Amino acid sequence: PHEVLPPLQIPQGVQFLGINSHVKHSVAASAYTATRCAAFMA
């Protein structure tokens, strides 16, 4: 359920960024829950 691996180093000269779309999401939302449930059904 949670095997922690050594951190993955980021190559020099590159970066990871995040851009917030300002479309709100929720883990409690029905689409997320339905997809999760469907995966376990599969």
All heavy atoms as atom14 arrays in JSON, in Angstrom:
{
  "sequence": "PHEVLPPLQIPQGVQFLGINSHVKHSVAASAYTATRCAAFMA",
  "atom14_mask": [
    [1, 1, 1, 1, 1, 1, 1, 0, 0, 0, 0, 0, 0, 0],
    [1, 1, 1, 1, 1, 1, 1, 1, 1, 1, 0, 0, 0, 0],
    [1, 1, 1, 1, 1, 1, 1, 1, 1, 0, 0, 0, 0, 0],
    [1, 1, 1, 1, 1, 1, 1, 0, 0, 0, 0, 0, 0, 0],
    [1, 1, 1, 1, 1, 1, 1, 1, 0, 0, 0, 0, 0, 0],
    [1, 1, 1, 1, 1, 1, 1, 0, 0, 0, 0, 0, 0, 0],
    [1, 1, 1, 1, 1, 1, 1, 0, 0, 0, 0, 0, 0, 0],
    [1, 1, 1, 1, 1, 1, 1, 1, 0, 0, 0, 0, 0, 0],
    [1, 1, 1, 1, 1, 1, 1, 1, 1, 0, 0, 0, 0, 0],
    [1, 1, 1, 1, 1, 1, 1, 1, 0, 0, 0, 0, 0, 0],
    [1, 1, 1, 1, 1, 1, 1, 0, 0, 0, 0, 0, 0, 0],
    [1, 1, 1, 1, 1, 1, 1, 1, 1, 0, 0, 0, 0, 0],
    [1, 1, 1, 1, 0, 0, 0, 0, 0, 0, 0, 0, 0, 0],
    [1, 1, 1, 1, 1, 1, 1, 0, 0, 0, 0, 0, 0, 0],
    [1, 1, 1, 1, 1, 1, 1, 1, 1, 0, 0, 0, 0, 0],
    [1, 1, 1, 1, 1, 1, 1, 1, 1, 1, 1, 0, 0, 0],
    [1, 1, 1, 1, 1, 1, 1, 1, 0, 0, 0, 0, 0, 0],
    [1, 1, 1, 1, 0, 0, 0, 0, 0, 0, 0, 0, 0, 0],
    [1, 1, 1, 1, 1, 1, 1, 1, 0, 0, 0, 0, 0, 0],
    [1, 1, 1, 1, 1, 1, 1, 1, 0, 0, 0, 0, 0, 0],
    [1, 1, 1, 1, 1, 1, 0, 0, 0, 0, 0, 0, 0, 0],
    [1, 1, 1, 1, 1, 1, 1, 1, 1, 1, 0, 0, 0, 0],
    [1, 1, 1, 1, 1, 1, 1, 0, 0, 0, 0, 0, 0, 0],
    [1, 1, 1, 1, 1, 1, 1, 1, 1, 0, 0, 0, 0, 0],
    [1, 1, 1, 1, 1, 1, 1, 1, 1, 1, 0, 0, 0, 0],
    [1, 1, 1, 1, 1, 1, 0, 0, 0, 0, 0, 0, 0, 0],
    [1, 1, 1, 1, 1, 1, 1, 0, 0, 0, 0, 0, 0, 0],
    [1, 1, 1, 1, 1, 0, 0, 0, 0, 0, 0, 0, 0, 0],
    [1, 1, 1, 1, 1, 0, 0, 0, 0, 0, 0, 0, 0, 0],
    [1, 1, 1, 1, 1, 1, 0, 0, 0, 0, 0, 0, 0, 0],
    [1, 1, 1, 1, 1, 0, 0, 0, 0, 0, 0, 0, 0, 0],
    [1, 1, 1, 1, 1, 1, 1, 1, 1, 1, 1, 1, 0, 0],
    [1, 1, 1, 1, 1, 1, 1, 0, 0, 0, 0, 0, 0, 0],
    [1, 1, 1, 1, 1, 0, 0, 0, 0, 0, 0, 0, 0, 0],
    [1, 1, 1, 1, 1, 1, 1, 0, 0, 0, 0, 0, 0, 0],
    [1, 1, 1, 1, 1, 1, 1, 1, 1, 1, 1, 0, 0, 0],
    [1, 1, 1, 1, 1, 1, 0, 0, 0, 0, 0, 0, 0, 0],
    [1, 1, 1, 1, 1, 0, 0, 0, 0, 0, 0, 0, 0, 0],
    [1, 1, 1, 1, 1, 0, 0, 0, 0, 0, 0, 0, 0, 0],
    [1, 1, 1, 1, 1, 1, 1, 1, 1, 1, 1, 0, 0, 0],
    [1, 1, 1, 1, 1, 1, 1, 1, 0, 0, 0, 0, 0, 0],
    [1, 1, 1, 1, 1, 0, 0, 0, 0, 0, 0, 0, 0, 0]
  ],
  "atom14_positions": [
    [[0.8, -1.22, 0.0], [0.0, 0.0, 0.0], [0.84, 1.27, 0.0], [0.38, 2.32, -0.38], [-0.8, -0.13, 1.29], [0.09, -0.93, 2.2], [0.83, -1.88, 1.32], [0.0, 0.0, 0.0], [0.0, 0.0, 0.0], [0.0, 0.0, 0.0], [0.0, 0.0, 0.0], [0.0, 0.0, 0.0], [0.0, 0.0, 0.0], [0.0, 0.0, 0.0]],
    [[2.11, 1.18, 0.43], [2.92, 2.41, 0.47], [4.4, 2.07, 0.66], [4.94, 2.19, 1.76], [2.45, 3.35, 1.59], [1.98, 2.67, 2.83], [2.8, 1.92, 3.64], [0.74, 2.59, 3.37], [2.1, 1.44, 4.65], [0.85, 1.84, 4.51], [0.0, 0.0, 0.0], [0.0, 0.0, 0.0], [0.0, 0.0, 0.0], [0.0, 0.0, 0.0]],
    [[5.03, 1.65, -0.43], [6.48, 1.39, -0.41], [7.2, 2.65, -0.91], [7.19, 2.97, -2.09], [6.82, 0.21, -1.31], [8.32, -0.11, -1.34], [8.67, -1.16, -2.38], [7.77, -1.83, -2.89], [9.88, -1.29, -2.68], [0.0, 0.0, 0.0], [0.0, 0.0, 0.0], [0.0, 0.0, 0.0], [0.0, 0.0, 0.0], [0.0, 0.0, 0.0]],
    [[7.82, 3.36, 0.02], [8.51, 4.61, -0.34], [9.83, 4.28, -1.02], [10.64, 3.5, -0.5], [8.74, 5.48, 0.91], [9.51, 6.75, 0.54], [7.4, 5.85, 1.55], [0.0, 0.0, 0.0], [0.0, 0.0, 0.0], [0.0, 0.0, 0.0], [0.0, 0.0, 0.0], [0.0, 0.0, 0.0], [0.0, 0.0, 0.0], [0.0, 0.0, 0.0]],
    [[10.06, 4.89, -2.17], [11.29, 4.72, -2.93], [12.18, 5.95, -2.74], [11.71, 7.0, -2.28], [10.97, 4.53, -4.42], [10.04, 3.36, -4.77], [9.71, 3.37, -6.25], [10.68, 2.04, -4.37], [0.0, 0.0, 0.0], [0.0, 0.0, 0.0], [0.0, 0.0, 0.0], [0.0, 0.0, 0.0], [0.0, 0.0, 0.0], [0.0, 0.0, 0.0]],
    [[13.46, 5.85, -3.1], [14.32, 7.04, -3.01], [13.73, 8.18, -3.84], [13.12, 7.94, -4.89], [15.65, 6.57, -3.6], [15.65, 5.08, -3.38], [14.22, 4.65, -3.53], [0.0, 0.0, 0.0], [0.0, 0.0, 0.0], [0.0, 0.0, 0.0], [0.0, 0.0, 0.0], [0.0, 0.0, 0.0], [0.0, 0.0, 0.0], [0.0, 0.0, 0.0]],
    [[13.89, 9.42, -3.39], [13.35, 10.56, -4.14], [13.88, 10.56, -5.57], [15.03, 10.18, -5.83], [13.85, 11.78, -3.36], [14.14, 11.27, -1.99], [14.59, 9.86, -2.16], [0.0, 0.0, 0.0], [0.0, 0.0, 0.0], [0.0, 0.0, 0.0], [0.0, 0.0, 0.0], [0.0, 0.0, 0.0], [0.0, 0.0, 0.0], [0.0, 0.0, 0.0]],
    [[13.05, 10.99, -6.5], [13.44, 11.08, -7.91], [14.0, 12.47, -8.14], [13.29, 13.47, -8.01], [12.23, 10.83, -8.8], [12.48, 10.73, -10.3], [13.46, 9.61, -10.63], [11.15, 10.51, -11.03], [0.0, 0.0, 0.0], [0.0, 0.0, 0.0], [0.0, 0.0, 0.0], [0.0, 0.0, 0.0], [0.0, 0.0, 0.0], [0.0, 0.0, 0.0]],
    [[15.29, 12.53, -8.47], [15.94, 13.82, -8.64], [15.48, 14.47, -9.96], [15.24, 13.79, -10.95], [17.46, 13.66, -8.64], [18.01, 13.08, -7.34], [17.61, 13.89, -6.11], [17.71, 15.12, -6.11], [17.13, 13.21, -5.08], [0.0, 0.0, 0.0], [0.0, 0.0, 0.0], [0.0, 0.0, 0.0], [0.0, 0.0, 0.0], [0.0, 0.0, 0.0]],
    [[15.39, 15.77, -9.96], [14.99, 16.53, -11.14], [16.25, 16.94, -11.89], [17.15, 17.55, -11.3], [14.17, 17.77, -10.74], [12.92, 17.34, -9.97], [13.8, 18.6, -11.97], [12.14, 18.48, -9.36], [0.0, 0.0, 0.0], [0.0, 0.0, 0.0], [0.0, 0.0, 0.0], [0.0, 0.0, 0.0], [0.0, 0.0, 0.0], [0.0, 0.0, 0.0]],
    [[16.37, 16.6, -13.18], [17.58, 16.95, -13.93], [17.88, 18.45, -13.87], [16.96, 19.28, -13.86], [17.25, 16.51, -15.36], [16.22, 15.44, -15.19], [15.41, 15.84, -13.99], [0.0, 0.0, 0.0], [0.0, 0.0, 0.0], [0.0, 0.0, 0.0], [0.0, 0.0, 0.0], [0.0, 0.0, 0.0], [0.0, 0.0, 0.0], [0.0, 0.0, 0.0]],
    [[19.14, 18.77, -13.79], [19.54, 20.17, -13.72], [19.07, 20.91, -14.98], [19.15, 20.4, -16.09], [21.06, 20.28, -13.61], [21.56, 21.7, -13.36], [23.05, 21.72, -13.11], [23.73, 20.71, -13.17], [23.59, 22.9, -12.79], [0.0, 0.0, 0.0], [0.0, 0.0, 0.0], [0.0, 0.0, 0.0], [0.0, 0.0, 0.0], [0.0, 0.0, 0.0]],
    [[18.57, 22.1, -14.77], [18.15, 22.93, -15.89], [16.72, 22.76, -16.31], [16.26, 23.43, -17.24], [0.0, 0.0, 0.0], [0.0, 0.0, 0.0], [0.0, 0.0, 0.0], [0.0, 0.0, 0.0], [0.0, 0.0, 0.0], [0.0, 0.0, 0.0], [0.0, 0.0, 0.0], [0.0, 0.0, 0.0], [0.0, 0.0, 0.0], [0.0, 0.0, 0.0]],
    [[15.97, 21.82, -15.65], [14.55, 21.69, -15.94], [13.76, 21.89, -14.65], [14.32, 21.87, -13.55], [14.2, 20.33, -16.58], [14.9, 20.16, -17.92], [14.52, 19.18, -15.65], [0.0, 0.0, 0.0], [0.0, 0.0, 0.0], [0.0, 0.0, 0.0], [0.0, 0.0, 0.0], [0.0, 0.0, 0.0], [0.0, 0.0, 0.0], [0.0, 0.0, 0.0]],
    [[12.46, 22.08, -14.79], [11.62, 22.38, -13.64], [10.22, 21.79, -13.84], [9.77, 21.59, -14.97], [11.5, 23.9, -13.45], [10.94, 24.62, -14.68], [10.99, 26.12, -14.57], [10.97, 26.68, -13.47], [11.04, 26.8, -15.71], [0.0, 0.0, 0.0], [0.0, 0.0, 0.0], [0.0, 0.0, 0.0], [0.0, 0.0, 0.0], [0.0, 0.0, 0.0]],
    [[9.59, 21.52, -12.72], [8.17, 21.15, -12.73], [7.39, 22.31, -12.12], [7.71, 22.79, -11.03], [7.93, 19.88, -11.92], [8.41, 18.63, -12.62], [9.6, 18.02, -12.22], [7.69, 18.09, -13.67], [10.04, 16.87, -12.87], [8.14, 16.95, -14.32], [9.32, 16.34, -13.92], [0.0, 0.0, 0.0], [0.0, 0.0, 0.0], [0.0, 0.0, 0.0]],
    [[6.38, 22.75, -12.84], [5.54, 23.86, -12.42], [4.08, 23.4, -12.4], [3.72, 22.44, -13.08], [5.67, 25.04, -13.39], [7.07, 25.55, -13.68], [7.04, 26.48, -14.89], [7.62, 26.29, -12.47], [0.0, 0.0, 0.0], [0.0, 0.0, 0.0], [0.0, 0.0, 0.0], [0.0, 0.0, 0.0], [0.0, 0.0, 0.0], [0.0, 0.0, 0.0]],
    [[3.27, 24.1, -11.65], [1.84, 23.87, -11.67], [1.11, 25.13, -12.06], [1.49, 26.23, -11.65], [0.0, 0.0, 0.0], [0.0, 0.0, 0.0], [0.0, 0.0, 0.0], [0.0, 0.0, 0.0], [0.0, 0.0, 0.0], [0.0, 0.0, 0.0], [0.0, 0.0, 0.0], [0.0, 0.0, 0.0], [0.0, 0.0, 0.0], [0.0, 0.0, 0.0]],
    [[0.07, 25.0, -12.87], [-0.76, 26.14, -13.25], [-2.2, 25.82, -12.86], [-2.8, 24.88, -13.37], [-0.68, 26.44, -14.76], [0.77, 26.73, -15.18], [-1.56, 27.64, -15.11], [0.95, 26.9, -16.68], [0.0, 0.0, 0.0], [0.0, 0.0, 0.0], [0.0, 0.0, 0.0], [0.0, 0.0, 0.0], [0.0, 0.0, 0.0], [0.0, 0.0, 0.0]],
    [[-2.74, 26.6, -11.96], [-4.11, 26.43, -11.49], [-5.08, 26.96, -12.55], [-5.06, 28.13, -12.89], [-4.29, 27.19, -10.17], [-5.69, 27.02, -9.58], [-6.5, 26.26, -10.08], [-5.96, 27.75, -8.51], [0.0, 0.0, 0.0], [0.0, 0.0, 0.0], [0.0, 0.0, 0.0], [0.0, 0.0, 0.0], [0.0, 0.0, 0.0], [0.0, 0.0, 0.0]],
    [[-5.92, 26.08, -13.05], [-6.9, 26.47, -14.07], [-8.02, 27.33, -13.51], [-8.76, 27.95, -14.25], [-7.5, 25.22, -14.71], [-8.32, 24.52, -13.78], [0.0, 0.0, 0.0], [0.0, 0.0, 0.0], [0.0, 0.0, 0.0], [0.0, 0.0, 0.0], [0.0, 0.0, 0.0], [0.0, 0.0, 0.0], [0.0, 0.0, 0.0], [0.0, 0.0, 0.0]],
    [[-8.16, 27.33, -12.2], [-9.26, 27.99, -11.48], [-10.61, 27.38, -11.81], [-11.64, 28.04, -11.69], [-9.24, 29.5, -11.68], [-8.42, 30.2, -10.64], [-8.78, 30.24, -9.31], [-7.24, 30.86, -10.72], [-7.86, 30.9, -8.63], [-6.91, 31.28, -9.46], [0.0, 0.0, 0.0], [0.0, 0.0, 0.0], [0.0, 0.0, 0.0], [0.0, 0.0, 0.0]],
    [[-10.59, 26.11, -12.22], [-11.81, 25.3, -12.27], [-11.73, 24.39, -11.06], [-10.85, 23.54, -10.97], [-11.9, 24.47, -13.56], [-13.12, 23.57, -13.53], [-11.92, 25.38, -14.78], [0.0, 0.0, 0.0], [0.0, 0.0, 0.0], [0.0, 0.0, 0.0], [0.0, 0.0, 0.0], [0.0, 0.0, 0.0], [0.0, 0.0, 0.0], [0.0, 0.0, 0.0]],
    [[-12.61, 24.57, -10.1], [-12.49, 23.85, -8.84], [-12.77, 22.37, -8.99], [-13.68, 21.96, -9.69], [-13.42, 24.46, -7.78], [-12.91, 25.76, -7.21], [-13.56, 26.09, -5.89], [-12.88, 27.27, -5.23], [-13.44, 27.56, -3.9], [0.0, 0.0, 0.0], [0.0, 0.0, 0.0], [0.0, 0.0, 0.0], [0.0, 0.0, 0.0], [0.0, 0.0, 0.0]],
    [[-11.95, 21.57, -8.31], [-12.11, 20.12, -8.31], [-12.34, 19.68, -6.87], [-12.01, 20.37, -5.93], [-10.85, 19.46, -8.89], [-10.09, 18.63, -7.93], [-10.03, 17.26, -8.02], [-9.39, 18.95, -6.81], [-9.32, 16.79, -7.02], [-8.91, 17.77, -6.29], [0.0, 0.0, 0.0], [0.0, 0.0, 0.0], [0.0, 0.0, 0.0], [0.0, 0.0, 0.0]],
    [[-12.91, 18.49, -6.71], [-13.13, 17.94, -5.37], [-12.98, 16.43, -5.4], [-13.59, 15.75, -6.22], [-14.53, 18.29, -4.86], [-14.81, 17.6, -3.66], [0.0, 0.0, 0.0], [0.0, 0.0, 0.0], [0.0, 0.0, 0.0], [0.0, 0.0, 0.0], [0.0, 0.0, 0.0], [0.0, 0.0, 0.0], [0.0, 0.0, 0.0], [0.0, 0.0, 0.0]],
    [[-12.15, 15.89, -4.49], [-11.98, 14.44, -4.39], [-13.28, 13.78, -3.92], [-13.53, 12.61, -4.21], [-10.81, 14.1, -3.43], [-10.8, 12.64, -3.05], [-9.49, 14.47, -4.09], [0.0, 0.0, 0.0], [0.0, 0.0, 0.0], [0.0, 0.0, 0.0], [0.0, 0.0, 0.0], [0.0, 0.0, 0.0], [0.0, 0.0, 0.0], [0.0, 0.0, 0.0]],
    [[-14.11, 14.54, -3.22], [-15.38, 13.98, -2.76], [-16.45, 14.01, -3.85], [-17.55, 13.52, -3.64], [-15.87, 14.76, -1.53], [0.0, 0.0, 0.0], [0.0, 0.0, 0.0], [0.0, 0.0, 0.0], [0.0, 0.0, 0.0], [0.0, 0.0, 0.0], [0.0, 0.0, 0.0], [0.0, 0.0, 0.0], [0.0, 0.0, 0.0], [0.0, 0.0, 0.0]],
    [[-16.13, 14.56, -5.02], [-17.12, 14.7, -6.08], [-17.51, 13.34, -6.65], [-16.77, 12.37, -6.58], [-16.58, 15.61, -7.19], [0.0, 0.0, 0.0], [0.0, 0.0, 0.0], [0.0, 0.0, 0.0], [0.0, 0.0, 0.0], [0.0, 0.0, 0.0], [0.0, 0.0, 0.0], [0.0, 0.0, 0.0], [0.0, 0.0, 0.0], [0.0, 0.0, 0.0]],
    [[-18.7, 13.29, -7.27], [-19.26, 12.02, -7.72], [-18.45, 11.4, -8.85], [-18.32, 10.17, -8.91], [-20.7, 12.24, -8.18], [-20.77, 13.19, -9.22], [0.0, 0.0, 0.0], [0.0, 0.0, 0.0], [0.0, 0.0, 0.0], [0.0, 0.0, 0.0], [0.0, 0.0, 0.0], [0.0, 0.0, 0.0], [0.0, 0.0, 0.0], [0.0, 0.0, 0.0]],
    [[-17.88, 12.19, -9.77], [-17.13, 11.62, -10.9], [-15.89, 10.89, -10.4], [-15.58, 9.78, -10.88], [-16.75, 12.72, -11.89], [0.0, 0.0, 0.0], [0.0, 0.0, 0.0], [0.0, 0.0, 0.0], [0.0, 0.0, 0.0], [0.0, 0.0, 0.0], [0.0, 0.0, 0.0], [0.0, 0.0, 0.0], [0.0, 0.0, 0.0], [0.0, 0.0, 0.0]],
    [[-15.16, 11.48, -9.47], [-13.97, 10.83, -8.91], [-14.35, 9.51, -8.24], [-13.73, 8.47, -8.45], [-13.28, 11.77, -7.92], [-12.12, 11.15, -7.17], [-10.83, 11.28, -7.64], [-12.33, 10.43, -6.0], [-9.75, 10.7, -6.96], [-11.28, 9.84, -5.32], [-9.99, 9.99, -5.8], [-8.95, 9.41, -5.12], [0.0, 0.0, 0.0], [0.0, 0.0, 0.0]],
    [[-15.39, 9.57, -7.42], [-15.82, 8.37, -6.68], [-16.28, 7.28, -7.64], [-15.97, 6.09, -7.45], [-16.94, 8.73, -5.7], [-16.47, 9.78, -4.82], [-17.34, 7.53, -4.86], [0.0, 0.0, 0.0], [0.0, 0.0, 0.0], [0.0, 0.0, 0.0], [0.0, 0.0, 0.0], [0.0, 0.0, 0.0], [0.0, 0.0, 0.0], [0.0, 0.0, 0.0]],
    [[-17.02, 7.66, -8.69], [-17.52, 6.68, -9.66], [-16.37, 6.02, -10.4], [-16.39, 4.79, -10.63], [-18.47, 7.35, -10.64], [0.0, 0.0, 0.0], [0.0, 0.0, 0.0], [0.0, 0.0, 0.0], [0.0, 0.0, 0.0], [0.0, 0.0, 0.0], [0.0, 0.0, 0.0], [0.0, 0.0, 0.0], [0.0, 0.0, 0.0], [0.0, 0.0, 0.0]],
    [[-15.35, 6.79, -10.77], [-14.2, 6.22, -11.47], [-13.43, 5.27, -10.57], [-13.01, 4.19, -11.0], [-13.28, 7.35, -11.98], [-13.99, 8.15, -12.92], [-12.03, 6.79, -12.63], [0.0, 0.0, 0.0], [0.0, 0.0, 0.0], [0.0, 0.0, 0.0], [0.0, 0.0, 0.0], [0.0, 0.0, 0.0], [0.0, 0.0, 0.0], [0.0, 0.0, 0.0]],
    [[-13.24, 5.67, -9.33], [-12.55, 4.79, -8.38], [-13.34, 3.48, -8.21], [-12.77, 2.38, -8.26], [-12.38, 5.49, -7.04], [-11.8, 4.55, -5.97], [-11.42, 5.27, -4.71], [-10.94, 4.3, -3.72], [-10.01, 4.54, -2.81], [-9.42, 5.7, -2.76], [-9.65, 3.6, -1.95], [0.0, 0.0, 0.0], [0.0, 0.0, 0.0], [0.0, 0.0, 0.0]],
    [[-14.63, 3.6, -8.01], [-15.44, 2.42, -7.81], [-15.4, 1.51, -9.04], [-15.27, 0.28, -8.92], [-16.88, 2.84, -7.51], [-17.89, 1.53, -6.8], [0.0, 0.0, 0.0], [0.0, 0.0, 0.0], [0.0, 0.0, 0.0], [0.0, 0.0, 0.0], [0.0, 0.0, 0.0], [0.0, 0.0, 0.0], [0.0, 0.0, 0.0], [0.0, 0.0, 0.0]],
    [[-15.45, 2.1, -10.24], [-15.4, 1.33, -11.47], [-14.08, 0.58, -11.62], [-14.05, -0.55, -12.13], [-15.63, 2.24, -12.68], [0.0, 0.0, 0.0], [0.0, 0.0, 0.0], [0.0, 0.0, 0.0], [0.0, 0.0, 0.0], [0.0, 0.0, 0.0], [0.0, 0.0, 0.0], [0.0, 0.0, 0.0], [0.0, 0.0, 0.0], [0.0, 0.0, 0.0]],
    [[-12.99, 1.17, -11.17], [-11.68, 0.51, -11.24], [-11.66, -0.74, -10.37], [-11.15, -1.8, -10.77], [-10.57, 1.47, -10.83], [0.0, 0.0, 0.0], [0.0, 0.0, 0.0], [0.0, 0.0, 0.0], [0.0, 0.0, 0.0], [0.0, 0.0, 0.0], [0.0, 0.0, 0.0], [0.0, 0.0, 0.0], [0.0, 0.0, 0.0], [0.0, 0.0, 0.0]],
    [[-12.23, -0.64, -9.17], [-12.27, -1.82, -8.29], [-13.28, -2.85, -8.78], [-13.09, -4.06, -8.57], [-12.57, -1.38, -6.86], [-11.37, -0.82, -6.15], [-11.15, 0.54, -6.09], [-10.44, -1.66, -5.56], [-10.03, 1.06, -5.46], [-9.32, -1.15, -4.91], [-9.11, 0.21, -4.87], [0.0, 0.0, 0.0], [0.0, 0.0, 0.0], [0.0, 0.0, 0.0]],
    [[-14.33, -2.4, -9.44], [-15.26, -3.34, -10.07], [-14.55, -4.1, -11.19], [-14.73, -5.32, -11.33], [-16.47, -2.59, -10.6], [-17.34, -1.99, -9.5], [-18.48, -0.72, -10.09], [-19.73, -1.72, -10.88], [0.0, 0.0, 0.0], [0.0, 0.0, 0.0], [0.0, 0.0, 0.0], [0.0, 0.0, 0.0], [0.0, 0.0, 0.0], [0.0, 0.0, 0.0]],
    [[-13.74, -3.4, -11.99], [-12.97, -4.05, -13.04], [-12.02, -5.09, -12.46], [-11.86, -6.2, -12.99], [-12.19, -3.02, -13.85], [0.0, 0.0, 0.0], [0.0, 0.0, 0.0], [0.0, 0.0, 0.0], [0.0, 0.0, 0.0], [0.0, 0.0, 0.0], [0.0, 0.0, 0.0], [0.0, 0.0, 0.0], [0.0, 0.0, 0.0], [0.0, 0.0, 0.0]]
  ]
}
